[in-house]
Amino acid sequence: MSIEIKVLGSGCSNCKRLYAEVEKAIEQTGAVATLSKVEDIREIMTYRVLATPALVVNGVVKSAGRVPASAEIAGFLSTRVENRN
């Protein structure tokens, strides 16, 4: 099964950095994932984050207001994959 990953934000430089870090994490873990950007403020508000960029993995907010390193993101993805087995 594929992991659904969303980067929430307005398209600022930190949002772009987070997107790049997520791409690295996907590559590092070999996860099967769908990665998308969410820039619509109404949709971002549905996740109840107070700051962007935010990272959402399968509907769960994993970070907000910062750019976690790809190693931390890989941990989010690995945990998700392990929980499915």
N, C-alpha and C. Protein backbone atom coordinates (compact mmCIF):
# COMPACT_ATOMS: atom_id res chain seq x y z
N MET A 1 0.82 -1.19 0.00
CA MET A 1 0.00 0.00 0.00
C MET A 1 0.87 1.25 0.00
N SER A 2 0.35 2.26 -0.62
CA SER A 2 1.08 3.52 -0.73
C SER A 2 0.83 4.41 0.48
N ILE A 3 1.86 5.15 0.85
CA ILE A 3 1.75 6.13 1.93
C ILE A 3 1.39 7.47 1.29
N GLU A 4 0.40 8.15 1.84
CA GLU A 4 0.00 9.45 1.32
C GLU A 4 0.67 10.53 2.16
N ILE A 5 1.49 11.35 1.51
CA ILE A 5 2.24 12.40 2.19
C ILE A 5 1.84 13.75 1.60
N LYS A 6 1.57 14.70 2.48
CA LYS A 6 1.23 16.06 2.04
C LYS A 6 2.13 17.06 2.74
N VAL A 7 2.59 18.04 1.97
CA VAL A 7 3.32 19.18 2.51
C VAL A 7 2.36 20.36 2.45
N LEU A 8 2.03 20.88 3.62
CA LEU A 8 1.10 22.00 3.71
C LEU A 8 1.87 23.31 3.80
N GLY A 9 1.51 24.27 2.99
CA GLY A 9 2.15 25.58 3.06
C GLY A 9 1.86 26.42 1.85
N SER A 10 2.24 27.67 1.96
CA SER A 10 1.91 28.65 0.92
C SER A 10 2.85 28.64 -0.28
N GLY A 11 3.90 27.83 -0.21
CA GLY A 11 4.88 27.81 -1.30
C GLY A 11 6.12 28.60 -0.96
N CYS A 12 6.30 28.93 0.31
CA CYS A 12 7.47 29.68 0.77
C CYS A 12 8.73 28.83 0.66
N SER A 13 9.87 29.41 0.94
CA SER A 13 11.14 28.68 0.81
C SER A 13 11.20 27.49 1.76
N ASN A 14 10.68 27.62 2.98
CA ASN A 14 10.67 26.49 3.91
C ASN A 14 9.76 25.37 3.43
N CYS A 15 8.67 25.71 2.78
CA CYS A 15 7.78 24.69 2.23
C CYS A 15 8.51 23.91 1.14
N LYS A 16 9.26 24.62 0.32
CA LYS A 16 10.02 23.97 -0.75
C LYS A 16 11.12 23.09 -0.16
N ARG A 17 11.76 23.56 0.91
CA ARG A 17 12.80 22.75 1.58
C ARG A 17 12.20 21.48 2.16
N LEU A 18 11.03 21.60 2.80
CA LEU A 18 10.37 20.43 3.37
C LEU A 18 10.03 19.43 2.28
N TYR A 19 9.51 19.90 1.17
CA TYR A 19 9.16 19.02 0.06
C TYR A 19 10.40 18.25 -0.41
N ALA A 20 11.53 18.96 -0.53
CA ALA A 20 12.78 18.32 -0.96
C ALA A 20 13.26 17.29 0.07
N GLU A 21 13.12 17.59 1.35
CA GLU A 21 13.52 16.65 2.40
C GLU A 21 12.64 15.40 2.37
N VAL A 22 11.36 15.58 2.09
CA VAL A 22 10.45 14.42 1.98
C VAL A 22 10.85 13.56 0.79
N GLU A 23 11.19 14.19 -0.33
CA GLU A 23 11.63 13.43 -1.50
C GLU A 23 12.87 12.59 -1.16
N LYS A 24 13.82 13.19 -0.42
CA LYS A 24 15.02 12.45 0.00
C LYS A 24 14.63 11.27 0.88
N ALA A 25 13.73 11.49 1.82
CA ALA A 25 13.32 10.44 2.75
C ALA A 25 12.65 9.28 2.01
N ILE A 26 11.83 9.60 1.04
CA ILE A 26 11.18 8.55 0.24
C ILE A 26 12.24 7.73 -0.48
N GLU A 27 13.21 8.42 -1.05
CA GLU A 27 14.28 7.73 -1.77
C GLU A 27 15.11 6.86 -0.81
N GLN A 28 15.42 7.39 0.38
CA GLN A 28 16.23 6.66 1.36
C GLN A 28 15.54 5.39 1.84
N THR A 29 14.24 5.48 2.06
CA THR A 29 13.50 4.34 2.62
C THR A 29 12.97 3.39 1.56
N GLY A 30 12.89 3.86 0.34
CA GLY A 30 12.29 3.04 -0.72
C GLY A 30 10.79 2.89 -0.56
N ALA A 31 10.19 3.79 0.22
CA ALA A 31 8.75 3.73 0.48
C ALA A 31 7.96 3.99 -0.80
N VAL A 32 6.83 3.31 -0.90
CA VAL A 32 5.89 3.58 -1.98
C VAL A 32 4.98 4.68 -1.45
N ALA A 33 5.12 5.86 -2.02
CA ALA A 33 4.41 7.01 -1.47
C ALA A 33 3.90 7.93 -2.56
N THR A 34 2.81 8.62 -2.23
CA THR A 34 2.27 9.67 -3.06
C THR A 34 2.53 10.97 -2.34
N LEU A 35 3.28 11.88 -2.95
CA LEU A 35 3.65 13.15 -2.34
C LEU A 35 2.95 14.28 -3.07
N SER A 36 2.32 15.17 -2.29
CA SER A 36 1.64 16.31 -2.90
C SER A 36 1.83 17.55 -2.04
N LYS A 37 1.64 18.70 -2.69
CA LYS A 37 1.69 19.99 -2.00
C LYS A 37 0.25 20.47 -1.82
N VAL A 38 -0.01 21.06 -0.67
CA VAL A 38 -1.33 21.66 -0.42
C VAL A 38 -1.08 23.13 -0.12
N GLU A 39 -1.53 24.00 -1.01
CA GLU A 39 -1.33 25.43 -0.85
C GLU A 39 -2.63 26.16 -0.56
N ASP A 40 -3.76 25.48 -0.70
CA ASP A 40 -5.06 26.09 -0.45
C ASP A 40 -5.26 26.28 1.06
N ILE A 41 -5.43 27.51 1.48
CA ILE A 41 -5.52 27.82 2.91
C ILE A 41 -6.70 27.11 3.57
N ARG A 42 -7.80 26.96 2.86
CA ARG A 42 -8.97 26.28 3.44
C ARG A 42 -8.66 24.82 3.75
N GLU A 43 -7.97 24.17 2.83
CA GLU A 43 -7.60 22.77 3.07
C GLU A 43 -6.56 22.67 4.19
N ILE A 44 -5.61 23.58 4.21
CA ILE A 44 -4.60 23.58 5.28
C ILE A 44 -5.28 23.73 6.64
N MET A 45 -6.28 24.58 6.72
CA MET A 45 -6.98 24.83 7.98
C MET A 45 -7.68 23.57 8.50
N THR A 46 -8.06 22.66 7.62
CA THR A 46 -8.74 21.44 8.07
C THR A 46 -7.82 20.56 8.91
N TYR A 47 -6.51 20.75 8.79
CA TYR A 47 -5.55 19.97 9.58
C TYR A 47 -5.24 20.63 10.93
N ARG A 48 -5.78 21.81 11.16
CA ARG A 48 -5.62 22.53 12.44
C ARG A 48 -4.16 22.78 12.83
N VAL A 49 -3.32 23.08 11.84
CA VAL A 49 -1.94 23.44 12.13
C VAL A 49 -1.87 24.94 12.38
N LEU A 50 -1.01 25.33 13.31
CA LEU A 50 -0.87 26.75 13.64
C LEU A 50 0.25 27.42 12.85
N ALA A 51 1.14 26.62 12.28
CA ALA A 51 2.25 27.17 11.52
C ALA A 51 2.59 26.24 10.36
N THR A 52 3.07 26.83 9.29
CA THR A 52 3.53 26.05 8.14
C THR A 52 5.02 26.28 7.98
N PRO A 53 5.73 25.41 7.32
CA PRO A 53 5.21 24.24 6.63
C PRO A 53 4.81 23.15 7.60
N ALA A 54 3.94 22.29 7.14
CA ALA A 54 3.51 21.15 7.95
C ALA A 54 3.60 19.89 7.10
N LEU A 55 3.84 18.79 7.77
CA LEU A 55 3.96 17.50 7.11
C LEU A 55 2.85 16.58 7.61
N VAL A 56 2.11 16.02 6.66
CA VAL A 56 1.00 15.12 6.99
C VAL A 56 1.29 13.77 6.33
N VAL A 57 1.25 12.71 7.15
CA VAL A 57 1.47 11.35 6.65
C VAL A 57 0.21 10.54 6.92
N ASN A 58 -0.44 10.11 5.86
CA ASN A 58 -1.70 9.35 5.96
C ASN A 58 -2.71 10.04 6.88
N GLY A 59 -2.85 11.35 6.69
CA GLY A 59 -3.87 12.10 7.42
C GLY A 59 -3.47 12.56 8.81
N VAL A 60 -2.26 12.21 9.26
CA VAL A 60 -1.80 12.58 10.61
C VAL A 60 -0.70 13.63 10.49
N VAL A 61 -0.85 14.75 11.19
CA VAL A 61 0.16 15.80 11.18
C VAL A 61 1.37 15.30 11.97
N LYS A 62 2.52 15.24 11.31
CA LYS A 62 3.76 14.76 11.93
C LYS A 62 4.66 15.91 12.38
N SER A 63 4.58 17.05 11.72
CA SER A 63 5.36 18.22 12.13
C SER A 63 4.68 19.47 11.58
N ALA A 64 4.93 20.59 12.28
CA ALA A 64 4.37 21.87 11.83
C ALA A 64 5.30 22.99 12.28
N GLY A 65 5.47 23.97 11.41
CA GLY A 65 6.26 25.14 11.76
C GLY A 65 7.77 24.94 11.70
N ARG A 66 8.21 23.82 11.13
CA ARG A 66 9.65 23.57 11.02
C ARG A 66 9.91 22.63 9.85
N VAL A 67 11.18 22.46 9.53
CA VAL A 67 11.57 21.57 8.45
C VAL A 67 12.42 20.45 9.05
N PRO A 68 11.80 19.30 9.32
CA PRO A 68 12.58 18.18 9.84
C PRO A 68 13.54 17.66 8.78
N ALA A 69 14.67 17.12 9.23
CA ALA A 69 15.65 16.54 8.31
C ALA A 69 15.08 15.28 7.67
N SER A 70 15.64 14.91 6.54
CA SER A 70 15.15 13.72 5.83
C SER A 70 15.24 12.47 6.70
N ALA A 71 16.24 12.39 7.58
CA ALA A 71 16.37 11.22 8.47
C ALA A 71 15.17 11.12 9.41
N GLU A 72 14.71 12.24 9.95
CA GLU A 72 13.54 12.23 10.83
C GLU A 72 12.29 11.85 10.05
N ILE A 73 12.16 12.39 8.86
CA ILE A 73 11.01 12.07 8.01
C ILE A 73 11.04 10.59 7.65
N ALA A 74 12.21 10.06 7.36
CA ALA A 74 12.34 8.63 7.06
C ALA A 74 11.84 7.80 8.23
N GLY A 75 12.09 8.27 9.45
CA GLY A 75 11.57 7.59 10.64
C GLY A 75 10.06 7.58 10.66
N PHE A 76 9.43 8.70 10.28
CA PHE A 76 7.97 8.75 10.21
C PHE A 76 7.46 7.71 9.21
N LEU A 77 8.14 7.61 8.07
CA LEU A 77 7.70 6.69 7.02
C LEU A 77 7.96 5.24 7.43
N SER A 78 9.09 4.97 8.03
CA SER A 78 9.43 3.61 8.45
C SER A 78 8.47 3.12 9.52
N THR A 79 8.13 3.98 10.46
CA THR A 79 7.18 3.62 11.51
C THR A 79 5.84 3.27 10.90
N ARG A 80 5.42 4.04 9.94
CA ARG A 80 4.14 3.80 9.29
C ARG A 80 4.13 2.46 8.57
N VAL A 81 5.23 2.15 7.88
CA VAL A 81 5.33 0.89 7.15
C VAL A 81 5.36 -0.28 8.12
N GLU A 82 6.13 -0.16 9.22
CA GLU A 82 6.22 -1.23 10.20
C GLU A 82 4.88 -1.50 10.86
N ASN A 83 4.10 -0.45 11.11
CA ASN A 83 2.80 -0.61 11.75
C ASN A 83 1.80 -1.37 10.88
N ARG A 84 2.02 -1.43 9.61
CA ARG A 84 1.11 -2.11 8.70
C ARG A 84 1.40 -3.59 8.64
N ASN A 85 2.57 -4.01 9.03
CA ASN A 85 2.92 -5.44 8.95
C ASN A 85 2.43 -6.21 10.14
